[in-house]
PDB file of N, CA and C in Angstrom:
ATOM      1  N   ALA A   1       3.591  42.092   6.634  1.00  0.00           N
ATOM      2  CA  ALA A   1       3.877  41.530   8.171  1.00  0.00           C
ATOM      3  C   ALA A   1       3.009  41.267   9.515  1.00  0.00           C
ATOM      4  N   ASN A   2       2.325  40.618   9.676  1.00  0.00           N
ATOM      5  CA  ASN A   2       1.229  40.449  11.030  1.00  0.00           C
ATOM      6  C   ASN A   2       2.069  41.184  11.927  1.00  0.00           C
ATOM      7  N   PRO A   3       1.422  41.733  13.363  1.00  0.00           N
ATOM      8  CA  PRO A   3       2.063  41.422  14.493  1.00  0.00           C
ATOM      9  C   PRO A   3       2.580  40.398  15.253  1.00  0.00           C
ATOM     10  N   LYS A   4       2.021  39.349  14.917  1.00  0.00           N
ATOM     11  CA  LYS A   4       2.851  38.454  16.028  1.00  0.00           C
ATOM     12  C   LYS A   4       3.076  37.543  15.493  1.00  0.00           C
ATOM     13  N   ASN A   5       3.470  36.965  13.670  1.00  0.00           N
ATOM     14  CA  ASN A   5       5.128  37.251  13.773  1.00  0.00           C
ATOM     15  C   ASN A   5       5.747  37.985  13.673  1.00  0.00           C
ATOM     16  N   SER A   6       5.360  38.524  13.812  1.00  0.00           N
ATOM     17  CA  SER A   6       7.039  40.075  13.497  1.00  0.00           C
ATOM     18  C   SER A   6       7.038  40.097  15.482  1.00  0.00           C
ATOM     19  N   SER A   7       7.262  39.707  15.957  1.00  0.00           N
ATOM     20  CA  SER A   7       6.606  38.841  17.532  1.00  0.00           C
ATOM     21  C   SER A   7       7.836  38.343  17.515  1.00  0.00           C
ATOM     22  N   ILE A   8       7.043  36.968  16.674  1.00  0.00           N
ATOM     23  CA  ILE A   8       7.931  35.790  17.336  1.00  0.00           C
ATOM     24  C   ILE A   8       9.922  35.999  16.586  1.00  0.00           C
ATOM     25  N   ILE A   9       9.494  36.351  15.014  1.00  0.00           N
ATOM     26  CA  ILE A   9      10.735  36.951  14.918  1.00  0.00           C
ATOM     27  C   ILE A   9      12.120  38.083  15.722  1.00  0.00           C
ATOM     28  N   LEU A  10      11.832  38.848  16.275  1.00  0.00           N
ATOM     29  CA  LEU A  10      11.863  39.656  17.413  1.00  0.00           C
ATOM     30  C   LEU A  10      12.194  38.805  18.784  1.00  0.00           C
ATOM     31  N   CYS A  11      11.505  38.403  18.642  1.00  0.00           N
ATOM     32  CA  CYS A  11      12.094  36.951  20.384  1.00  0.00           C
ATOM     33  C   CYS A  11      12.626  35.789  19.877  1.00  0.00           C
ATOM     34  N   SER A  12      12.766  35.356  18.588  1.00  0.00           N
ATOM     35  CA  SER A  12      14.207  35.279  18.282  1.00  0.00           C
ATOM     36  C   SER A  12      14.830  34.927  17.825  1.00  0.00           C
ATOM     37  N   SER A  13      14.933  36.892  16.856  1.00  0.00           N
ATOM     38  CA  SER A  13      16.828  36.777  17.116  1.00  0.00           C
ATOM     39  C   SER A  13      17.458  37.154  18.356  1.00  0.00           C
ATOM     40  N   ILE A  14      16.535  38.244  19.322  1.00  0.00           N
ATOM     41  CA  ILE A  14      17.386  37.812  20.600  1.00  0.00           C
ATOM     42  C   ILE A  14      16.883  37.145  21.434  1.00  0.00           C
ATOM     43  N   PHE A  15      16.163  36.233  21.179  1.00  0.00           N
ATOM     44  CA  PHE A  15      16.978  34.624  21.363  1.00  0.00           C
ATOM     45  C   PHE A  15      18.530  34.471  21.753  1.00  0.00           C
ATOM     46  N   ARG A  16      19.062  34.724  20.139  1.00  0.00           N
ATOM     47  CA  ARG A  16      20.075  33.831  19.400  1.00  0.00           C
ATOM     48  C   ARG A  16      21.358  34.889  19.699  1.00  0.00           C
ATOM     49  N   GLN A  17      20.768  36.164  19.673  1.00  0.00           N
ATOM     50  CA  GLN A  17      22.155  37.035  20.283  1.00  0.00           C
ATOM     51  C   GLN A  17      22.364  36.414  22.555  1.00  0.00           C
ATOM     52  N   ASN A  18      21.548  36.523  22.754  1.00  0.00           N
ATOM     53  CA  ASN A  18      22.001  36.273  24.062  1.00  0.00           C
ATOM     54  C   ASN A  18      22.433  34.448  24.597  1.00  0.00           C
ATOM     55  N   PHE A  19      21.925  33.477  23.586  1.00  0.00           N
ATOM     56  CA  PHE A  19      22.808  32.114  23.806  1.00  0.00           C
ATOM     57  C   PHE A  19      24.121  32.521  22.721  1.00  0.00           C
ATOM     58  N   ARG A  20      24.199  33.420  21.905  1.00  0.00           N
ATOM     59  CA  ARG A  20      25.631  33.494  21.958  1.00  0.00           C
ATOM     60  C   ARG A  20      26.953  34.071  22.243  1.00  0.00           C
ATOM     61  N   SER A  21      25.748  35.012  23.238  1.00  0.00           N
ATOM     62  CA  SER A  21      26.792  35.624  24.871  1.00  0.00           C
ATOM     63  C   SER A  21      26.825  34.925  25.571  1.00  0.00           C
ATOM     64  N   LEU A  22      26.023  34.264  25.526  1.00  0.00           N
ATOM     65  CA  LEU A  22      26.529  32.531  26.550  1.00  0.00           C
ATOM     66  C   LEU A  22      27.467  31.368  25.786  1.00  0.00           C
ATOM     67  N   ALA A  23      27.458  31.556  24.747  1.00  0.00           N
ATOM     68  CA  ALA A  23      28.121  30.009  24.344  1.00  0.00           C
ATOM     69  C   ALA A  23      30.048  31.022  24.632  1.00  0.00           C
ATOM     70  N   MET A  24      30.066  32.059  24.053  1.00  0.00           N
ATOM     71  CA  MET A  24      31.391  33.175  24.549  1.00  0.00           C
ATOM     72  C   MET A  24      31.441  32.986  25.444  1.00  0.00           C
ATOM     73  N   GLN A  25      30.580  32.801  27.049  1.00  0.00           N
ATOM     74  CA  GLN A  25      31.310  32.867  28.090  1.00  0.00           C
ATOM     75  C   GLN A  25      31.228  32.068  28.576  1.00  0.00           C
ATOM     76  N   ALA A  26      30.913  30.618  28.137  1.00  0.00           N
ATOM     77  CA  ALA A  26      30.674  29.633  28.234  1.00  0.00           C
ATOM     78  C   ALA A  26      32.155  28.659  27.801  1.00  0.00           C
ATOM     79  N   ARG A  27      32.878  29.594  26.722  1.00  0.00           N
ATOM     80  CA  ARG A  27      33.982  29.109  25.768  1.00  0.00           C
ATOM     81  C   ARG A  27      35.377  29.442  26.456  1.00  0.00           C
ATOM     82  N   GLY A  28      34.556  30.941  27.495  1.00  0.00           N
ATOM     83  CA  GLY A  28      35.678  31.512  27.963  1.00  0.00           C
ATOM     84  C   GLY A  28      36.071  30.384  30.321  1.00  0.00           C
ATOM     85  N   TYR A  29      35.060  30.027  29.572  1.00  0.00           N
ATOM     86  CA  TYR A  29      35.007  29.083  31.244  1.00  0.00           C
ATOM     87  C   TYR A  29      35.493  27.546  31.773  1.00  0.00           C
ATOM     88  N   PRO A  30      36.069  27.211  32.240  1.00  0.00           N
ATOM     89  CA  PRO A  30      36.730  25.982  32.615  1.00  0.00           C
ATOM     90  C   PRO A  30      34.958  25.386  32.312  1.00  0.00           C
ATOM     91  N   LYS A  31      34.835  23.950  33.000  1.00  0.00           N
ATOM     92  CA  LYS A  31      33.535  23.039  32.737  1.00  0.00           C
ATOM     93  C   LYS A  31      33.197  22.597  33.708  1.00  0.00           C
ATOM     94  N   PRO A  32      32.520  22.936  34.874  1.00  0.00           N
ATOM     95  CA  PRO A  32      31.937  23.226  35.994  1.00  0.00           C
ATOM     96  C   PRO A  32      32.189  21.440  35.944  1.00  0.00           C
ATOM     97  N   PRO A  33      31.960  21.330  37.674  1.00  0.00           N
ATOM     98  CA  PRO A  33      32.204  20.374  37.775  1.00  0.00           C
ATOM     99  C   PRO A  33      30.948  18.500  38.016  1.00  0.00           C
ATOM    100  N   SER A  34      30.631  17.818  37.400  1.00  0.00           N
ATOM    101  CA  SER A  34      30.140  17.427  36.690  1.00  0.00           C
ATOM    102  C   SER A  34      29.209  17.186  37.438  1.00  0.00           C
ATOM    103  N   LYS A  35      29.063  17.640  38.926  1.00  0.00           N
ATOM    104  CA  LYS A  35      27.734  17.760  40.084  1.00  0.00           C
ATOM    105  C   LYS A  35      26.414  18.568  39.441  1.00  0.00           C
ATOM    106  N   TYR A  36      27.822  19.446  39.421  1.00  0.00           N
ATOM    107  CA  TYR A  36      26.240  20.115  38.457  1.00  0.00           C
ATOM    108  C   TYR A  36      25.798  20.121  37.340  1.00  0.00           C
ATOM    109  N   ILE A  37      26.448  19.374  36.609  1.00  0.00           N
ATOM    110  CA  ILE A  37      24.991  20.172  34.903  1.00  0.00           C
ATOM    111  C   ILE A  37      24.291  18.631  35.571  1.00  0.00           C
TER     112      ILE A  37
END
């Protein structure tokens, strides 16, 4: 595999993990007031 592809795959997997943890945190908290959106 060429290094560019592997780095893209690595970045996307890290992003996915971060996104999942953020989504879990967001689910655990009440929604912010609409003025913050």
